[in-house]
Amino acid sequence: MKNAFVKTFNNFKQSFPIIIGILLLLGLAITAVPKEFYAAIFTGNKFIDPALGALLGSVLAGNPLTSYVLGGEFLKQGVSLLAVTAFILAWVTVGMIQLPAESLMLGKRFAIVRNAVSFLMAIAIAVLTIVTLSII
């Protein structure tokens, strides 16, 4: 039990500076980007919003912890849950930034197919999530 606590504490200690940096960047982005910007991009269209969310998540790839913070901020700005869900899924599973490294390590064809499937699945899972939530 003590060993697990120490490992958890060490992991938290390592990720704490990243979380603080993200929160500071979010604060800067929230003040720099007007709220109308999000409303202009995410119009509430059930077809365009998840694709746009997945596209943004693919390009701005990051880790899951960061995606939850960003997703919460997007929801506060009025972005639909559908777009935020697609964004979070693509943020974690699709990596356009690391595509060159992935191509070198695992092969170009595999990297492209994996990213394309992950992109499409991010949209499909976002839609299914929202449909499931509306049923519940």
Protein backbone atom coordinates (compact mmCIF):
# COMPACT_ATOMS: atom_id res chain seq x y z
CA MET A 1 0.00 0.00 0.00
CA LYS A 2 2.77 2.44 0.90
CA ASN A 3 4.67 1.57 -2.29
CA ALA A 4 1.61 2.36 -4.43
CA PHE A 5 1.15 5.68 -2.65
CA VAL A 6 4.80 6.62 -3.23
CA LYS A 7 4.57 5.73 -6.95
CA THR A 8 1.35 7.71 -7.33
CA PHE A 9 2.83 10.68 -5.52
CA ASN A 10 5.94 10.59 -7.73
CA ASN A 11 3.80 10.43 -10.89
CA PHE A 12 1.75 13.38 -9.68
CA LYS A 13 4.91 15.29 -8.82
CA GLN A 14 6.20 14.75 -12.37
CA SER A 15 2.95 15.80 -14.04
CA PHE A 16 2.25 18.79 -11.77
CA PRO A 17 4.44 21.27 -13.72
CA ILE A 18 2.77 20.17 -16.96
CA ILE A 19 -0.69 20.74 -15.47
CA ILE A 20 0.30 24.19 -14.19
CA GLY A 21 1.74 25.09 -17.60
CA ILE A 22 -1.42 23.95 -19.34
CA LEU A 23 -3.62 25.93 -16.98
CA LEU A 24 -1.52 29.03 -17.56
CA LEU A 25 -1.66 28.56 -21.34
CA LEU A 26 -5.41 28.00 -21.16
CA GLY A 27 -5.81 31.18 -19.17
CA LEU A 28 -3.83 33.05 -21.79
CA ALA A 29 -5.78 31.46 -24.64
CA ILE A 30 -9.12 32.18 -22.99
CA THR A 31 -8.25 35.85 -22.59
CA ALA A 32 -6.64 36.17 -26.03
CA VAL A 33 -9.34 34.34 -27.99
CA PRO A 34 -12.79 35.96 -27.86
CA LYS A 35 -15.77 33.76 -27.05
CA GLU A 36 -17.29 34.58 -30.43
CA PHE A 37 -14.41 32.71 -32.08
CA TYR A 38 -15.61 29.35 -30.73
CA ALA A 39 -19.19 30.13 -31.67
CA ALA A 40 -18.08 31.03 -35.18
CA ILE A 41 -16.13 27.81 -35.67
CA PHE A 42 -18.47 25.39 -33.88
CA THR A 43 -21.90 26.28 -35.21
CA GLY A 44 -23.82 23.39 -33.66
CA ASN A 45 -24.02 21.49 -36.95
CA LYS A 46 -24.24 17.78 -36.13
CA PHE A 47 -22.14 16.84 -39.16
CA ILE A 48 -19.50 19.55 -39.29
CA ASP A 49 -18.82 20.00 -35.57
CA PRO A 50 -17.54 16.47 -34.84
CA ALA A 51 -15.39 16.48 -37.98
CA LEU A 52 -13.95 19.88 -37.05
CA GLY A 53 -13.41 18.78 -33.45
CA ALA A 54 -11.62 15.65 -34.62
CA LEU A 55 -9.55 17.67 -37.07
CA LEU A 56 -8.45 20.10 -34.36
CA GLY A 57 -7.71 17.23 -31.99
CA SER A 58 -5.65 15.49 -34.65
CA VAL A 59 -3.48 18.49 -35.34
CA LEU A 60 -3.15 19.59 -31.72
CA ALA A 61 -2.46 16.11 -30.36
CA GLY A 62 -1.59 15.72 -26.71
CA ASN A 63 -2.05 13.59 -23.62
CA PRO A 64 -5.37 12.56 -22.04
CA LEU A 65 -4.97 14.68 -18.91
CA THR A 66 -4.66 17.82 -21.00
CA SER A 67 -7.63 16.90 -23.17
CA TYR A 68 -10.01 16.82 -20.21
CA VAL A 69 -9.00 20.33 -19.18
CA LEU A 70 -9.34 21.62 -22.75
CA GLY A 71 -12.64 19.80 -23.22
CA GLY A 72 -14.05 21.38 -20.07
CA GLU A 73 -13.00 24.81 -21.24
CA PHE A 74 -14.56 24.22 -24.67
CA LEU A 75 -17.83 23.20 -23.02
CA LYS A 76 -17.75 26.38 -20.90
CA GLN A 77 -17.34 28.39 -24.13
CA GLY A 78 -20.49 26.83 -25.58
CA VAL A 79 -18.95 24.21 -27.87
CA SER A 80 -21.24 21.19 -28.25
CA LEU A 81 -20.56 17.96 -26.40
CA LEU A 82 -20.43 16.20 -29.77
CA ALA A 83 -17.54 18.37 -30.97
CA VAL A 84 -15.73 18.16 -27.63
CA THR A 85 -16.01 14.37 -27.54
CA ALA A 86 -14.60 14.07 -31.06
CA PHE A 87 -11.84 16.52 -30.14
CA ILE A 88 -10.81 14.55 -27.03
CA LEU A 89 -10.82 11.22 -28.84
CA ALA A 90 -8.76 12.54 -31.74
CA TRP A 91 -6.44 14.48 -29.38
CA VAL A 92 -5.45 11.21 -27.72
CA THR A 93 -5.58 8.72 -30.60
CA VAL A 94 -4.58 10.64 -33.73
CA GLY A 95 -1.19 12.24 -33.94
CA MET A 96 -0.39 14.33 -36.97
CA ILE A 97 2.53 15.91 -35.12
CA GLN A 98 4.17 12.59 -34.34
CA LEU A 99 3.29 11.02 -37.71
CA PRO A 100 6.85 11.32 -39.11
CA ALA A 101 8.32 9.57 -36.07
CA GLU A 102 5.61 6.91 -36.13
CA SER A 103 6.24 6.36 -39.85
CA LEU A 104 9.93 5.78 -39.22
CA MET A 105 9.34 3.41 -36.33
CA LEU A 106 6.34 1.43 -37.57
CA GLY A 107 6.24 2.05 -41.30
CA LYS A 108 4.61 4.75 -43.38
CA ARG A 109 1.60 2.72 -44.49
CA PHE A 110 0.80 1.48 -40.99
CA ALA A 111 1.09 4.99 -39.51
CA ILE A 112 -1.18 6.54 -42.12
CA VAL A 113 -3.80 3.78 -41.90
CA ARG A 114 -3.77 3.84 -38.09
CA ASN A 115 -4.22 7.60 -37.98
CA ALA A 116 -6.97 7.59 -40.61
CA VAL A 117 -8.89 4.84 -38.81
CA SER A 118 -8.43 6.61 -35.49
CA PHE A 119 -9.73 9.87 -36.99
CA LEU A 120 -12.84 8.21 -38.41
CA MET A 121 -13.42 6.26 -35.21
CA ALA A 122 -13.15 9.45 -33.15
CA ILE A 123 -16.06 10.89 -35.11
CA ALA A 124 -18.09 7.68 -34.98
CA ILE A 125 -17.54 7.15 -31.25
CA ALA A 126 -18.41 10.78 -30.54
CA VAL A 127 -21.72 10.39 -32.39
CA LEU A 128 -22.46 7.07 -30.67
CA THR A 129 -21.63 8.59 -27.28
CA ILE A 130 -24.06 11.45 -27.78
CA VAL A 131 -26.77 9.11 -29.10
CA THR A 132 -26.27 6.84 -26.07
CA LEU A 133 -26.45 9.79 -23.68
CA SER A 134 -29.67 11.00 -25.31
CA ILE A 135 -31.22 7.55 -24.80
CA ILE A 136 -30.24 7.38 -21.14
